[in-house]
Amino acid sequence: MSENTEAIKANLGEAGSHLKQAAVAAGGAVRNAAGAAGDELRLGTAQVKAELADSGVAGLGAAQHLGGAASEQMDALVEKGRDLLDSAAELIRERPLAAFGVAFAAGWIISKLARSDK
């Protein structure tokens, strides 16, 4: 064989060897990338679970405070009702005849409405 043929064979052999090494390196890179992606996925899943758990705890905290807030609102409404009754009682003390007349008229109207429905 000629020198040129030998040089071609040597160069092709070397090229084949480099291609083989490139394939091995690519396979390793793919395996490493898959491993890293799996690790990132596990980390992301753990973070999502932690955030969901924190959200649940915050929701429970809000629910616990909801009862207290409702109680405060009920107390405020009861206090307003008492104020209204006190105001009405004061008005009745100041003007008993007018209060009796208004009560009598309201009772008469209600009785008429009740009779007209029958």
N, C-alpha and C. Protein backbone atom coordinates (compact mmCIF):
# COMPACT_ATOMS: atom_id res chain seq x y z
N MET A 1 0.83 -1.16 0.00
CA MET A 1 0.00 0.00 0.00
C MET A 1 0.88 1.24 0.00
N SER A 2 0.24 2.27 -0.46
CA SER A 2 1.02 3.50 -0.58
C SER A 2 0.96 4.28 0.72
N GLU A 3 1.83 5.22 0.76
CA GLU A 3 1.89 6.07 1.95
C GLU A 3 0.58 6.82 2.13
N ASN A 4 -0.01 7.26 1.08
CA ASN A 4 -1.26 8.01 1.15
C ASN A 4 -2.38 7.13 1.70
N THR A 5 -2.43 5.89 1.26
CA THR A 5 -3.47 4.97 1.73
C THR A 5 -3.29 4.71 3.22
N GLU A 6 -2.06 4.50 3.62
CA GLU A 6 -1.77 4.27 5.04
C GLU A 6 -2.15 5.51 5.87
N ALA A 7 -1.87 6.67 5.35
CA ALA A 7 -2.20 7.90 6.06
C ALA A 7 -3.71 8.07 6.18
N ILE A 8 -4.43 7.69 5.11
CA ILE A 8 -5.89 7.77 5.14
C ILE A 8 -6.44 6.83 6.19
N LYS A 9 -5.92 5.58 6.21
CA LYS A 9 -6.38 4.59 7.18
C LYS A 9 -6.09 5.07 8.60
N ALA A 10 -4.93 5.61 8.82
CA ALA A 10 -4.56 6.09 10.15
C ALA A 10 -5.47 7.24 10.57
N ASN A 11 -5.66 8.15 9.63
CA ASN A 11 -6.53 9.29 9.95
C ASN A 11 -7.97 8.85 10.20
N LEU A 12 -8.49 7.91 9.41
CA LEU A 12 -9.85 7.39 9.60
C LEU A 12 -9.96 6.63 10.92
N GLY A 13 -8.92 5.87 11.25
CA GLY A 13 -8.92 5.16 12.53
C GLY A 13 -8.95 6.12 13.70
N GLU A 14 -8.12 7.18 13.59
CA GLU A 14 -8.10 8.18 14.65
C GLU A 14 -9.45 8.89 14.74
N ALA A 15 -10.07 9.21 13.58
CA ALA A 15 -11.38 9.85 13.56
C ALA A 15 -12.43 8.94 14.20
N GLY A 16 -12.38 7.64 13.90
CA GLY A 16 -13.31 6.68 14.50
C GLY A 16 -13.14 6.61 16.00
N SER A 17 -11.88 6.63 16.45
CA SER A 17 -11.60 6.60 17.89
C SER A 17 -12.17 7.85 18.57
N HIS A 18 -11.98 9.01 17.94
CA HIS A 18 -12.52 10.25 18.51
C HIS A 18 -14.05 10.24 18.52
N LEU A 19 -14.66 9.68 17.47
CA LEU A 19 -16.12 9.59 17.42
C LEU A 19 -16.64 8.68 18.54
N LYS A 20 -15.91 7.59 18.78
CA LYS A 20 -16.30 6.67 19.84
C LYS A 20 -16.23 7.37 21.20
N GLN A 21 -15.14 8.12 21.43
CA GLN A 21 -14.99 8.85 22.69
C GLN A 21 -16.06 9.93 22.83
N ALA A 22 -16.40 10.57 21.69
CA ALA A 22 -17.45 11.59 21.71
C ALA A 22 -18.79 10.97 22.09
N ALA A 23 -19.08 9.77 21.58
CA ALA A 23 -20.34 9.08 21.90
C ALA A 23 -20.38 8.71 23.37
N VAL A 24 -19.25 8.24 23.92
CA VAL A 24 -19.19 7.90 25.35
C VAL A 24 -19.41 9.16 26.19
N ALA A 25 -18.75 10.25 25.78
CA ALA A 25 -18.91 11.51 26.53
C ALA A 25 -20.34 12.01 26.45
N ALA A 26 -20.98 11.89 25.28
CA ALA A 26 -22.37 12.33 25.12
C ALA A 26 -23.30 11.49 25.99
N GLY A 27 -23.06 10.19 26.03
CA GLY A 27 -23.87 9.32 26.89
C GLY A 27 -23.73 9.71 28.36
N GLY A 28 -22.49 9.98 28.77
CA GLY A 28 -22.27 10.42 30.16
C GLY A 28 -22.95 11.73 30.45
N ALA A 29 -22.89 12.65 29.48
CA ALA A 29 -23.53 13.95 29.66
C ALA A 29 -25.04 13.80 29.79
N VAL A 30 -25.62 12.93 28.98
CA VAL A 30 -27.07 12.69 29.05
C VAL A 30 -27.44 12.08 30.40
N ARG A 31 -26.65 11.10 30.87
CA ARG A 31 -26.93 10.49 32.18
C ARG A 31 -26.82 11.53 33.29
N ASN A 32 -25.78 12.36 33.23
CA ASN A 32 -25.61 13.40 34.25
C ASN A 32 -26.76 14.42 34.21
N ALA A 33 -27.16 14.78 32.99
CA ALA A 33 -28.27 15.73 32.85
C ALA A 33 -29.56 15.14 33.40
N ALA A 34 -29.79 13.86 33.12
CA ALA A 34 -30.99 13.20 33.63
C ALA A 34 -30.96 13.14 35.15
N GLY A 35 -29.80 12.85 35.70
CA GLY A 35 -29.67 12.81 37.16
C GLY A 35 -29.90 14.17 37.77
N ALA A 36 -29.32 15.20 37.15
CA ALA A 36 -29.51 16.57 37.66
C ALA A 36 -30.97 16.99 37.53
N ALA A 37 -31.60 16.64 36.43
CA ALA A 37 -33.01 16.97 36.24
C ALA A 37 -33.86 16.27 37.29
N GLY A 38 -33.55 15.01 37.58
CA GLY A 38 -34.27 14.28 38.63
C GLY A 38 -34.09 14.94 39.98
N ASP A 39 -32.86 15.36 40.27
CA ASP A 39 -32.60 16.05 41.54
C ASP A 39 -33.38 17.35 41.62
N GLU A 40 -33.39 18.12 40.54
CA GLU A 40 -34.13 19.38 40.51
C GLU A 40 -35.63 19.13 40.67
N LEU A 41 -36.13 18.07 40.04
CA LEU A 41 -37.54 17.73 40.15
C LEU A 41 -37.90 17.37 41.59
N ARG A 42 -37.05 16.59 42.24
CA ARG A 42 -37.30 16.23 43.64
C ARG A 42 -37.26 17.46 44.53
N LEU A 43 -36.30 18.34 44.28
CA LEU A 43 -36.20 19.58 45.05
C LEU A 43 -37.43 20.46 44.84
N GLY A 44 -37.85 20.60 43.59
CA GLY A 44 -39.04 21.39 43.27
C GLY A 44 -40.29 20.81 43.92
N THR A 45 -40.42 19.48 43.89
CA THR A 45 -41.57 18.83 44.51
C THR A 45 -41.58 19.09 46.01
N ALA A 46 -40.43 19.01 46.63
CA ALA A 46 -40.35 19.26 48.07
C ALA A 46 -40.72 20.71 48.39
N GLN A 47 -40.29 21.64 47.55
CA GLN A 47 -40.63 23.05 47.78
C GLN A 47 -42.12 23.29 47.61
N VAL A 48 -42.73 22.66 46.61
CA VAL A 48 -44.17 22.80 46.39
C VAL A 48 -44.93 22.25 47.60
N LYS A 49 -44.53 21.08 48.09
CA LYS A 49 -45.19 20.50 49.26
C LYS A 49 -45.05 21.40 50.47
N ALA A 50 -43.88 21.98 50.66
CA ALA A 50 -43.66 22.87 51.81
C ALA A 50 -44.54 24.11 51.71
N GLU A 51 -44.64 24.69 50.53
CA GLU A 51 -45.47 25.89 50.35
C GLU A 51 -46.94 25.56 50.56
N LEU A 52 -47.38 24.40 50.07
CA LEU A 52 -48.78 24.01 50.27
C LEU A 52 -49.07 23.77 51.76
N ALA A 53 -48.13 23.17 52.46
CA ALA A 53 -48.30 22.95 53.90
C ALA A 53 -48.38 24.29 54.63
N ASP A 54 -47.50 25.22 54.28
CA ASP A 54 -47.53 26.55 54.91
C ASP A 54 -48.85 27.27 54.62
N SER A 55 -49.34 27.10 53.41
CA SER A 55 -50.62 27.70 53.04
C SER A 55 -51.75 27.12 53.87
N GLY A 56 -51.73 25.82 54.09
CA GLY A 56 -52.74 25.17 54.91
C GLY A 56 -52.69 25.67 56.35
N VAL A 57 -51.50 25.81 56.89
CA VAL A 57 -51.34 26.30 58.27
C VAL A 57 -51.87 27.73 58.37
N ALA A 58 -51.56 28.57 57.38
CA ALA A 58 -52.06 29.94 57.40
C ALA A 58 -53.58 29.98 57.29
N GLY A 59 -54.15 29.10 56.48
CA GLY A 59 -55.61 29.01 56.36
C GLY A 59 -56.26 28.60 57.67
N LEU A 60 -55.66 27.64 58.37
CA LEU A 60 -56.19 27.23 59.67
C LEU A 60 -56.10 28.37 60.68
N GLY A 61 -55.01 29.12 60.64
CA GLY A 61 -54.88 30.27 61.53
C GLY A 61 -55.98 31.29 61.27
N ALA A 62 -56.27 31.53 59.99
CA ALA A 62 -57.33 32.47 59.64
C ALA A 62 -58.68 31.96 60.13
N ALA A 63 -58.91 30.65 60.00
CA ALA A 63 -60.18 30.09 60.46
C ALA A 63 -60.33 30.22 61.97
N GLN A 64 -59.23 30.07 62.70
CA GLN A 64 -59.29 30.21 64.15
C GLN A 64 -59.64 31.64 64.54
N HIS A 65 -59.11 32.61 63.83
CA HIS A 65 -59.39 34.01 64.14
C HIS A 65 -60.77 34.44 63.66
N LEU A 66 -61.34 33.68 62.74
CA LEU A 66 -62.66 34.00 62.21
C LEU A 66 -63.70 33.95 63.31
N GLY A 67 -63.62 32.97 64.20
CA GLY A 67 -64.57 32.87 65.31
C GLY A 67 -64.49 34.08 66.22
N GLY A 68 -63.28 34.52 66.52
CA GLY A 68 -63.11 35.70 67.37
C GLY A 68 -63.66 36.95 66.72
N ALA A 69 -63.43 37.08 65.41
CA ALA A 69 -63.93 38.25 64.69
C ALA A 69 -65.46 38.25 64.66
N ALA A 70 -66.06 37.09 64.46
CA ALA A 70 -67.52 36.99 64.44
C ALA A 70 -68.08 37.35 65.82
N SER A 71 -67.41 36.90 66.86
CA SER A 71 -67.84 37.21 68.22
C SER A 71 -67.78 38.71 68.48
N GLU A 72 -66.71 39.35 68.02
CA GLU A 72 -66.58 40.80 68.19
C GLU A 72 -67.70 41.54 67.45
N GLN A 73 -68.02 41.09 66.25
CA GLN A 73 -69.09 41.73 65.49
C GLN A 73 -70.44 41.54 66.18
N MET A 74 -70.66 40.35 66.73
CA MET A 74 -71.91 40.08 67.43
C MET A 74 -72.02 40.96 68.67
N ASP A 75 -70.92 41.12 69.40
CA ASP A 75 -70.92 42.00 70.57
C ASP A 75 -71.25 43.43 70.18
N ALA A 76 -70.69 43.89 69.06
CA ALA A 76 -70.96 45.25 68.60
C ALA A 76 -72.44 45.42 68.24
N LEU A 77 -73.02 44.41 67.58
CA LEU A 77 -74.44 44.48 67.22
C LEU A 77 -75.32 44.47 68.45
N VAL A 78 -74.99 43.65 69.44
CA VAL A 78 -75.77 43.60 70.68
C VAL A 78 -75.69 44.96 71.38
N GLU A 79 -74.51 45.56 71.40
CA GLU A 79 -74.35 46.87 72.04
C GLU A 79 -75.19 47.93 71.32
N LYS A 80 -75.22 47.89 69.99
CA LYS A 80 -76.05 48.84 69.23
C LYS A 80 -77.53 48.62 69.53
N GLY A 81 -77.92 47.35 69.66
CA GLY A 81 -79.32 47.05 70.01
C GLY A 81 -79.68 47.60 71.38
N ARG A 82 -78.77 47.44 72.33
CA ARG A 82 -79.01 47.99 73.67
C ARG A 82 -79.12 49.51 73.63
N ASP A 83 -78.25 50.15 72.85
CA ASP A 83 -78.32 51.60 72.71
C ASP A 83 -79.66 52.04 72.13
N LEU A 84 -80.14 51.29 71.15
CA LEU A 84 -81.42 51.61 70.53
C LEU A 84 -82.56 51.45 71.52
N LEU A 85 -82.54 50.37 72.31
CA LEU A 85 -83.58 50.17 73.33
C LEU A 85 -83.52 51.26 74.39
N ASP A 86 -82.32 51.63 74.80
CA ASP A 86 -82.17 52.72 75.78
C ASP A 86 -82.73 54.02 75.22
N SER A 87 -82.46 54.28 73.96
CA SER A 87 -82.96 55.50 73.32
C SER A 87 -84.49 55.47 73.26
N ALA A 88 -85.05 54.31 72.92
CA ALA A 88 -86.52 54.20 72.86
C ALA A 88 -87.11 54.37 74.26
N ALA A 89 -86.49 53.78 75.27
CA ALA A 89 -87.00 53.91 76.64
C ALA A 89 -86.94 55.37 77.09
N GLU A 90 -85.90 56.06 76.74
CA GLU A 90 -85.77 57.48 77.10
C GLU A 90 -86.85 58.31 76.41
N LEU A 91 -87.13 58.00 75.14
CA LEU A 91 -88.18 58.71 74.41
C LEU A 91 -89.54 58.46 75.05
N ILE A 92 -89.78 57.22 75.48
CA ILE A 92 -91.06 56.89 76.12
C ILE A 92 -91.20 57.64 77.44
N ARG A 93 -90.11 57.76 78.21
CA ARG A 93 -90.15 58.50 79.47
C ARG A 93 -90.42 59.99 79.23
N GLU A 94 -89.81 60.53 78.17
CA GLU A 94 -89.98 61.96 77.89
C GLU A 94 -91.37 62.27 77.35
N ARG A 95 -91.92 61.39 76.52
CA ARG A 95 -93.22 61.65 75.87
C ARG A 95 -94.10 60.39 75.95
N PRO A 96 -94.61 60.08 77.11
CA PRO A 96 -95.39 58.85 77.26
C PRO A 96 -96.68 58.85 76.45
N LEU A 97 -97.35 59.96 76.35
CA LEU A 97 -98.61 60.01 75.61
C LEU A 97 -98.38 59.78 74.12
N ALA A 98 -97.35 60.40 73.57
CA ALA A 98 -97.02 60.21 72.14
C ALA A 98 -96.61 58.77 71.89
N ALA A 99 -95.82 58.19 72.78
CA ALA A 99 -95.38 56.80 72.62
C ALA A 99 -96.57 55.85 72.66
N PHE A 100 -97.53 56.11 73.59
CA PHE A 100 -98.73 55.27 73.66
C PHE A 100 -99.53 55.38 72.38
N GLY A 101 -99.66 56.59 71.86
CA GLY A 101 -100.40 56.79 70.62
C GLY A 101 -99.76 56.08 69.44
N VAL A 102 -98.46 56.14 69.33
CA VAL A 102 -97.75 55.47 68.23
C VAL A 102 -97.90 53.96 68.36
N ALA A 103 -97.78 53.43 69.58
CA ALA A 103 -97.91 51.99 69.80
C ALA A 103 -99.33 51.53 69.48
N PHE A 104 -100.32 52.32 69.91
CA PHE A 104 -101.71 51.98 69.64
C PHE A 104 -101.98 51.96 68.14
N ALA A 105 -101.49 52.99 67.43
CA ALA A 105 -101.70 53.08 65.98
C ALA A 105 -101.01 51.92 65.26
N ALA A 106 -99.81 51.59 65.68
CA ALA A 106 -99.09 50.47 65.04
C ALA A 106 -99.84 49.16 65.28
N GLY A 107 -100.34 48.96 66.47
CA GLY A 107 -101.11 47.74 66.77
C GLY A 107 -102.38 47.67 65.95
N TRP A 108 -103.08 48.81 65.82
CA TRP A 108 -104.31 48.84 65.05
C TRP A 108 -104.06 48.52 63.57
N ILE A 109 -102.94 49.10 63.00
CA ILE A 109 -102.59 48.84 61.60
C ILE A 109 -102.24 47.37 61.39
N ILE A 110 -101.49 46.82 62.31
CA ILE A 110 -101.10 45.40 62.19
C ILE A 110 -102.33 44.51 62.27
N SER A 111 -103.28 44.82 63.15
CA SER A 111 -104.48 43.98 63.27
C SER A 111 -105.33 44.09 62.00
N LYS A 112 -105.43 45.27 61.40
CA LYS A 112 -106.16 45.43 60.16
C LYS A 112 -105.51 44.65 59.02
N LEU A 113 -104.20 44.70 58.96
CA LEU A 113 -103.48 43.94 57.91
C LEU A 113 -103.66 42.46 58.11
N ALA A 114 -103.66 42.01 59.36
CA ALA A 114 -103.82 40.59 59.64
C ALA A 114 -105.23 40.12 59.27
N ARG A 115 -106.24 40.93 59.51
CA ARG A 115 -107.62 40.56 59.20
C ARG A 115 -107.87 40.58 57.70
N SER A 116 -107.22 41.49 56.98
CA SER A 116 -107.46 41.59 55.55
C SER A 116 -106.84 40.42 54.79
N ASP A 117 -105.84 39.75 55.37
CA ASP A 117 -105.22 38.59 54.72
C ASP A 117 -106.11 37.37 54.78
N LYS A 118 -107.01 37.32 55.75
CA LYS A 118 -107.84 36.11 55.93
C LYS A 118 -109.00 36.09 55.01
